[in-house]
């Protein structure tokens, strides 16, 4: 289970597939990856979809953030 939070605090609840389910909930077909720089590298932390900046969090102690090799 995941939860995505927009820049305005609006939650989106996700069962298994963050990108696919967010696109369905918002009703569009395109998403851009959103990244965050940290001291130990750059991480994929969510998506930008139709003007929403959605940061995805795991709800069971898992993190969604994935280190990117850029």
Protein backbone atom coordinates (compact mmCIF):
# COMPACT_ATOMS: atom_id res chain seq x y z
CA UNK A 1 0.00 0.00 0.00
CA UNK A 2 1.11 3.52 -0.80
CA UNK A 3 -0.13 7.05 -0.34
CA UNK A 4 0.69 9.95 -2.65
CA UNK A 5 0.48 13.49 -1.27
CA UNK A 6 0.22 16.54 -3.57
CA UNK A 7 2.03 19.81 -2.96
CA UNK A 8 -1.25 21.08 -1.46
CA UNK A 9 -1.69 18.13 0.89
CA UNK A 10 -4.35 16.22 -1.06
CA UNK A 11 -3.96 12.44 -0.52
CA UNK A 12 -4.32 9.72 -3.14
CA UNK A 13 -4.47 6.12 -1.89
CA UNK A 14 -2.73 3.43 -3.94
CA UNK A 15 -2.88 -0.36 -3.60
CA UNK A 16 0.01 -1.73 -5.71
CA UNK A 17 1.09 0.28 -8.76
CA UNK A 18 1.68 3.99 -7.99
CA UNK A 19 2.07 5.39 -11.52
CA UNK A 20 -0.73 3.37 -13.09
CA UNK A 21 -3.23 3.99 -10.29
CA UNK A 22 -2.45 7.72 -10.03
CA UNK A 23 -3.00 8.15 -13.77
CA UNK A 24 -6.35 6.36 -13.48
CA UNK A 25 -7.45 8.40 -10.45
CA UNK A 26 -6.51 11.74 -12.04
CA UNK A 27 -7.85 10.70 -15.44
CA UNK A 28 -4.84 11.34 -17.68
CA UNK A 29 -2.31 9.20 -19.56
CA UNK A 30 1.04 10.94 -18.97
CA UNK A 31 3.29 11.27 -15.93
CA UNK A 32 6.79 12.67 -15.43
CA UNK A 33 9.07 11.29 -12.75
CA UNK A 34 9.82 13.63 -9.84
CA UNK A 35 13.30 13.55 -8.28
CA UNK A 36 14.89 14.77 -5.06
CA UNK A 37 18.60 15.35 -4.57
CA UNK A 38 20.16 14.07 -1.36
CA UNK A 39 23.72 13.98 -0.10
CA UNK A 40 24.02 10.34 -1.20
CA UNK A 41 22.51 10.78 -4.67
CA UNK A 42 19.37 11.58 -6.64
CA UNK A 43 16.16 9.70 -5.83
CA UNK A 44 12.91 9.14 -7.71
CA UNK A 45 10.31 10.15 -5.09
CA UNK A 46 7.08 10.54 -7.05
CA UNK A 47 5.40 11.93 -10.15
CA UNK A 48 4.26 15.18 -11.73
CA UNK A 49 0.82 14.52 -13.23
CA UNK A 50 -1.42 17.19 -14.72
CA UNK A 51 -0.04 19.97 -12.52
CA UNK A 52 0.01 17.82 -9.36
CA UNK A 53 3.37 17.19 -7.72
CA UNK A 54 2.78 13.83 -6.05
CA UNK A 55 5.30 12.47 -3.56
CA UNK A 56 4.72 8.76 -2.94
CA UNK A 57 5.19 7.13 0.47
CA UNK A 58 4.95 3.48 1.52
CA UNK A 59 2.40 2.87 4.26
CA UNK A 60 3.99 -0.29 5.66
CA UNK A 61 7.40 1.06 6.58
CA UNK A 62 8.65 0.78 3.00
CA UNK A 63 9.97 3.74 1.09
CA UNK A 64 9.07 4.42 -2.53
CA UNK A 65 12.23 6.47 -3.16
CA UNK A 66 14.60 4.76 -5.57
CA UNK A 67 18.15 5.90 -6.22
CA UNK A 68 18.70 6.95 -9.84
CA UNK A 69 21.92 6.57 -11.77
CA UNK A 70 22.04 9.82 -13.72
